[in-house]
Structures are given as C-alpha cells and as structure tokens.
C-alpha cells in the first residue's frame, strides 16, 4: 500500500514538473547587411605623331617640305560604385526575467519543491492511519 502511494506521488511530481516547463520563445529580428563595390576603369592617353620631311631638288633649287601630325587621346577614368543593402531576418532567443517563484525553482529544484509537500502529506496520512488503529 505504501509503495503504491509513493509511486503515485512520484508520478504526480513528474507530471507537475513536466507541465510547469515553458519553452524558449524565438523572435525574428531583421538585420541589415551592406555590400559595396568600387570599380575604377582607366583608359590611358595615347599620342600618335606622324612626321615627315620631303626634299625635292629641281635644277639648282631645293624644296624642303616638312609636316607633322599629332593625334592625342586624353586619359579617361570611369569610376562607379555599387551599393547593395540586404535585409536578413535572423532568429534571436528572447528570455524574460524570472519571477521569484521561478528563480526559487531554478535554485532549489522543482522536484524538491513538489516532493516535500507530497511526502509530508503521505507521512501525515500514514501517521493518521497508524494512530487510528
């Protein structure tokens, strides 16, 4: 008989401990991630020089013909910047502050807090039955 009462007391304590547990609450939080790329394109200048000297002789006269052509291209710099902003949702674990009762259960242990009153009740019940006989 005593063993049956103890088993029922253990089962009740275990069920109370299971029902009192709360799971952790997860809250999605949005974070921003920025990615930037800087691209620089250089095109160097070029100078092309074409020159020539032509010497012609006609009788006693010498004709010297000189010409020069320059082609210039300037330096061109092409710069652009690409910004990408990405919003990513991450899951963050949120814990709320414990009440005094919950903190006591954490410190002492929920099993002890539930077992002690049940054991006292069982002991008083057995003492009552013994004194009744």
C-alpha atoms as a PDB file:
ATOM      1  CA  UNK A   1       0.000   0.000   0.000  1.00  0.00           C
ATOM      2  CA  UNK A   2       2.775   2.422   0.936  1.00  0.00           C
ATOM      3  CA  UNK A   3       4.651   1.624  -2.249  1.00  0.00           C
ATOM      4  CA  UNK A   4       1.571   2.295  -4.339  1.00  0.00           C
ATOM      5  CA  UNK A   5       1.117   5.714  -2.693  1.00  0.00           C
ATOM      6  CA  UNK A   6       4.802   6.537  -3.218  1.00  0.00           C
ATOM      7  CA  UNK A   7       4.592   5.579  -6.899  1.00  0.00           C
ATOM      8  CA  UNK A   8       1.542   7.765  -7.358  1.00  0.00           C
ATOM      9  CA  UNK A   9       3.324  10.601  -5.571  1.00  0.00           C
ATOM     10  CA  UNK A  10       6.334  10.244  -7.894  1.00  0.00           C
ATOM     11  CA  UNK A  11       4.072  10.195 -10.955  1.00  0.00           C
ATOM     12  CA  UNK A  12       2.212  13.310  -9.777  1.00  0.00           C
ATOM     13  CA  UNK A  13       5.517  15.127  -9.104  1.00  0.00           C
ATOM     14  CA  UNK A  14       6.834  14.183 -12.556  1.00  0.00           C
ATOM     15  CA  UNK A  15       3.640  15.361 -14.265  1.00  0.00           C
ATOM     16  CA  UNK A  16       3.718  18.664 -12.351  1.00  0.00           C
ATOM     17  CA  UNK A  17       7.343  19.200 -13.337  1.00  0.00           C
ATOM     18  CA  UNK A  18       6.541  18.497 -16.995  1.00  0.00           C
ATOM     19  CA  UNK A  19       3.517  20.789 -17.048  1.00  0.00           C
ATOM     20  CA  UNK A  20       5.353  23.697 -15.409  1.00  0.00           C
ATOM     21  CA  UNK A  21       8.131  23.846 -18.023  1.00  0.00           C
ATOM     22  CA  UNK A  22       7.960  26.569 -20.648  1.00  0.00           C
ATOM     23  CA  UNK A  23       9.769  26.522 -23.913  1.00  0.00           C
ATOM     24  CA  UNK A  24      12.111  29.223 -25.134  1.00  0.00           C
ATOM     25  CA  UNK A  25      10.464  31.863 -27.280  1.00  0.00           C
ATOM     26  CA  UNK A  26      12.208  32.754 -30.541  1.00  0.00           C
ATOM     27  CA  UNK A  27      11.673  36.175 -32.110  1.00  0.00           C
ATOM     28  CA  UNK A  28      12.793  37.049 -35.658  1.00  0.00           C
ATOM     29  CA  UNK A  29      14.982  40.161 -35.789  1.00  0.00           C
ATOM     30  CA  UNK A  30      15.790  41.999 -39.000  1.00  0.00           C
ATOM     31  CA  UNK A  31      19.438  42.913 -39.589  1.00  0.00           C
ATOM     32  CA  UNK A  32      20.893  44.924 -42.439  1.00  0.00           C
ATOM     33  CA  UNK A  33      23.921  43.847 -44.428  1.00  0.00           C
ATOM     34  CA  UNK A  34      25.554  46.373 -46.754  1.00  0.00           C
ATOM     35  CA  UNK A  35      27.821  45.364 -49.595  1.00  0.00           C
ATOM     36  CA  UNK A  36      29.613  47.973 -51.680  1.00  0.00           C
ATOM     37  CA  UNK A  37      31.863  47.537 -54.694  1.00  0.00           C
ATOM     38  CA  UNK A  38      34.048  50.277 -56.184  1.00  0.00           C
ATOM     39  CA  UNK A  39      35.030  49.768 -59.812  1.00  0.00           C
ATOM     40  CA  UNK A  40      37.663  52.017 -61.430  1.00  0.00           C
ATOM     41  CA  UNK A  41      38.343  51.765 -65.147  1.00  0.00           C
ATOM     42  CA  UNK A  42      41.430  53.572 -66.525  1.00  0.00           C
ATOM     43  CA  UNK A  43      41.937  54.267 -70.196  1.00  0.00           C
ATOM     44  CA  UNK A  44      45.375  55.749 -70.746  1.00  0.00           C
ATOM     45  CA  UNK A  45      46.020  58.530 -73.212  1.00  0.00           C
ATOM     46  CA  UNK A  46      47.797  57.855 -76.439  1.00  0.00           C
ATOM     47  CA  UNK A  47      49.781  60.206 -78.647  1.00  0.00           C
ATOM     48  CA  UNK A  48      50.388  59.320 -82.268  1.00  0.00           C
ATOM     49  CA  UNK A  49      52.895  61.506 -84.105  1.00  0.00           C
ATOM     50  CA  UNK A  50      53.294  61.283 -87.843  1.00  0.00           C
ATOM     51  CA  UNK A  51      56.020  63.468 -89.270  1.00  0.00           C
ATOM     52  CA  UNK A  52      57.818  63.524 -92.497  1.00  0.00           C
ATOM     53  CA  UNK A  53      60.405  65.524 -94.395  1.00  0.00           C
ATOM     54  CA  UNK A  54      60.333  65.616 -98.167  1.00  0.00           C
ATOM     55  CA  UNK A  55      63.290  67.004-100.030  1.00  0.00           C
ATOM     56  CA  UNK A  56      62.866  67.834-103.724  1.00  0.00           C
ATOM     57  CA  UNK A  57      65.525  69.188-105.998  1.00  0.00           C
ATOM     58  CA  UNK A  58      64.680  70.980-109.152  1.00  0.00           C
ATOM     59  CA  UNK A  59      67.635  72.351-111.001  1.00  0.00           C
ATOM     60  CA  UNK A  60      69.505  74.455-108.513  1.00  0.00           C
ATOM     61  CA  UNK A  61      66.581  74.828-106.032  1.00  0.00           C
ATOM     62  CA  UNK A  62      65.999  72.511-103.113  1.00  0.00           C
ATOM     63  CA  UNK A  63      62.481  72.260-101.763  1.00  0.00           C
ATOM     64  CA  UNK A  64      62.174  71.003 -98.210  1.00  0.00           C
ATOM     65  CA  UNK A  65      58.678  70.125 -97.146  1.00  0.00           C
ATOM     66  CA  UNK A  66      58.111  69.261 -93.506  1.00  0.00           C
ATOM     67  CA  UNK A  67      54.846  68.283 -91.914  1.00  0.00           C
ATOM     68  CA  UNK A  68      53.865  66.857 -88.590  1.00  0.00           C
ATOM     69  CA  UNK A  69      50.516  65.480 -87.363  1.00  0.00           C
ATOM     70  CA  UNK A  70      49.728  64.709 -83.728  1.00  0.00           C
ATOM     71  CA  UNK A  71      46.780  62.647 -82.571  1.00  0.00           C
ATOM     72  CA  UNK A  72      46.137  62.910 -78.846  1.00  0.00           C
ATOM     73  CA  UNK A  73      43.770  60.977 -76.707  1.00  0.00           C
ATOM     74  CA  UNK A  74      43.285  62.037 -73.119  1.00  0.00           C
ATOM     75  CA  UNK A  75      43.170  59.862 -70.043  1.00  0.00           C
ATOM     76  CA  UNK A  76      39.666  58.720 -69.229  1.00  0.00           C
ATOM     77  CA  UNK A  77      38.787  57.434 -65.797  1.00  0.00           C
ATOM     78  CA  UNK A  78      35.458  55.704 -65.378  1.00  0.00           C
ATOM     79  CA  UNK A  79      34.503  55.183 -61.727  1.00  0.00           C
ATOM     80  CA  UNK A  80      31.291  53.864 -60.341  1.00  0.00           C
ATOM     81  CA  UNK A  81      30.229  52.452 -57.015  1.00  0.00           C
ATOM     82  CA  UNK A  82      27.633  49.782 -56.431  1.00  0.00           C
ATOM     83  CA  UNK A  83      25.814  49.636 -53.087  1.00  0.00           C
ATOM     84  CA  UNK A  84      23.613  46.729 -52.164  1.00  0.00           C
ATOM     85  CA  UNK A  85      21.656  46.669 -48.932  1.00  0.00           C
ATOM     86  CA  UNK A  86      20.244  43.347 -47.885  1.00  0.00           C
ATOM     87  CA  UNK A  87      17.853  42.825 -45.007  1.00  0.00           C
ATOM     88  CA  UNK A  88      18.239  39.411 -43.442  1.00  0.00           C
ATOM     89  CA  UNK A  89      15.961  38.016 -40.778  1.00  0.00           C
ATOM     90  CA  UNK A  90      17.758  36.168 -38.025  1.00  0.00           C
ATOM     91  CA  UNK A  91      16.159  34.356 -35.126  1.00  0.00           C
ATOM     92  CA  UNK A  92      17.124  35.619 -31.680  1.00  0.00           C
ATOM     93  CA  UNK A  93      16.352  33.807 -28.454  1.00  0.00           C
ATOM     94  CA  UNK A  94      14.463  36.026 -26.019  1.00  0.00           C
ATOM     95  CA  UNK A  95      14.449  35.314 -22.317  1.00  0.00           C
ATOM     96  CA  UNK A  96      12.200  37.168 -19.934  1.00  0.00           C
ATOM     97  CA  UNK A  97      13.101  37.878 -16.343  1.00  0.00           C
ATOM     98  CA  UNK A  98      12.128  35.082 -13.967  1.00  0.00           C
ATOM     99  CA  UNK A  99       9.651  35.590 -11.162  1.00  0.00           C
ATOM    100  CA  UNK A 100      10.724  34.894  -7.571  1.00  0.00           C
ATOM    101  CA  UNK A 101       8.915  31.546  -7.638  1.00  0.00           C
ATOM    102  CA  UNK A 102      10.593  30.515 -10.886  1.00  0.00           C
ATOM    103  CA  UNK A 103      14.006  31.600  -9.578  1.00  0.00           C
ATOM    104  CA  UNK A 104      13.444  29.564  -6.406  1.00  0.00           C
ATOM    105  CA  UNK A 105      12.546  26.529  -8.505  1.00  0.00           C
ATOM    106  CA  UNK A 106      15.746  27.015 -10.528  1.00  0.00           C
ATOM    107  CA  UNK A 107      17.890  27.358  -7.397  1.00  0.00           C
ATOM    108  CA  UNK A 108      16.396  24.592  -5.266  1.00  0.00           C
ATOM    109  CA  UNK A 109      14.964  22.338  -7.913  1.00  0.00           C
ATOM    110  CA  UNK A 110      11.335  21.909  -8.850  1.00  0.00           C
ATOM    111  CA  UNK A 111      11.307  18.253  -7.863  1.00  0.00           C
ATOM    112  CA  UNK A 112      12.222  19.035  -4.264  1.00  0.00           C
ATOM    113  CA  UNK A 113       9.590  21.751  -4.028  1.00  0.00           C
ATOM    114  CA  UNK A 114       6.865  19.401  -5.247  1.00  0.00           C
ATOM    115  CA  UNK A 115       8.121  16.281  -3.449  1.00  0.00           C
ATOM    116  CA  UNK A 116       8.367  17.789   0.036  1.00  0.00           C
ATOM    117  CA  UNK A 117       4.660  18.726   0.444  1.00  0.00           C
ATOM    118  CA  UNK A 118       3.564  15.425  -1.075  1.00  0.00           C
ATOM    119  CA  UNK A 119       5.854  13.442   1.216  1.00  0.00           C
ATOM    120  CA  UNK A 120       4.598  15.430   4.204  1.00  0.00           C
ATOM    121  CA  UNK A 121       1.001  14.699   3.192  1.00  0.00           C
ATOM    122  CA  UNK A 122       1.779  10.992   2.743  1.00  0.00           C
ATOM    123  CA  UNK A 123       3.564  10.906   6.111  1.00  0.00           C
ATOM    124  CA  UNK A 124       0.656  12.599   7.850  1.00  0.00           C
ATOM    125  CA  UNK A 125      -1.782  10.215   6.169  1.00  0.00           C
ATOM    126  CA  UNK A 126       0.239   7.174   7.316  1.00  0.00           C
ATOM    127  CA  UNK A 127       0.583   8.625  10.820  1.00  0.00           C
ATOM    128  CA  UNK A 128      -3.190   9.221  10.950  1.00  0.00           C
ATOM    129  CA  UNK A 129      -3.892   5.608   9.893  1.00  0.00           C
ATOM    130  CA  UNK A 130      -1.455   4.269  12.471  1.00  0.00           C
ATOM    131  CA  UNK A 131      -2.922   6.343  15.295  1.00  0.00           C
ATOM    132  CA  UNK A 132      -6.461   5.377  14.251  1.00  0.00           C
ATOM    133  CA  UNK A 133      -5.773   1.663  14.803  1.00  0.00           C
END
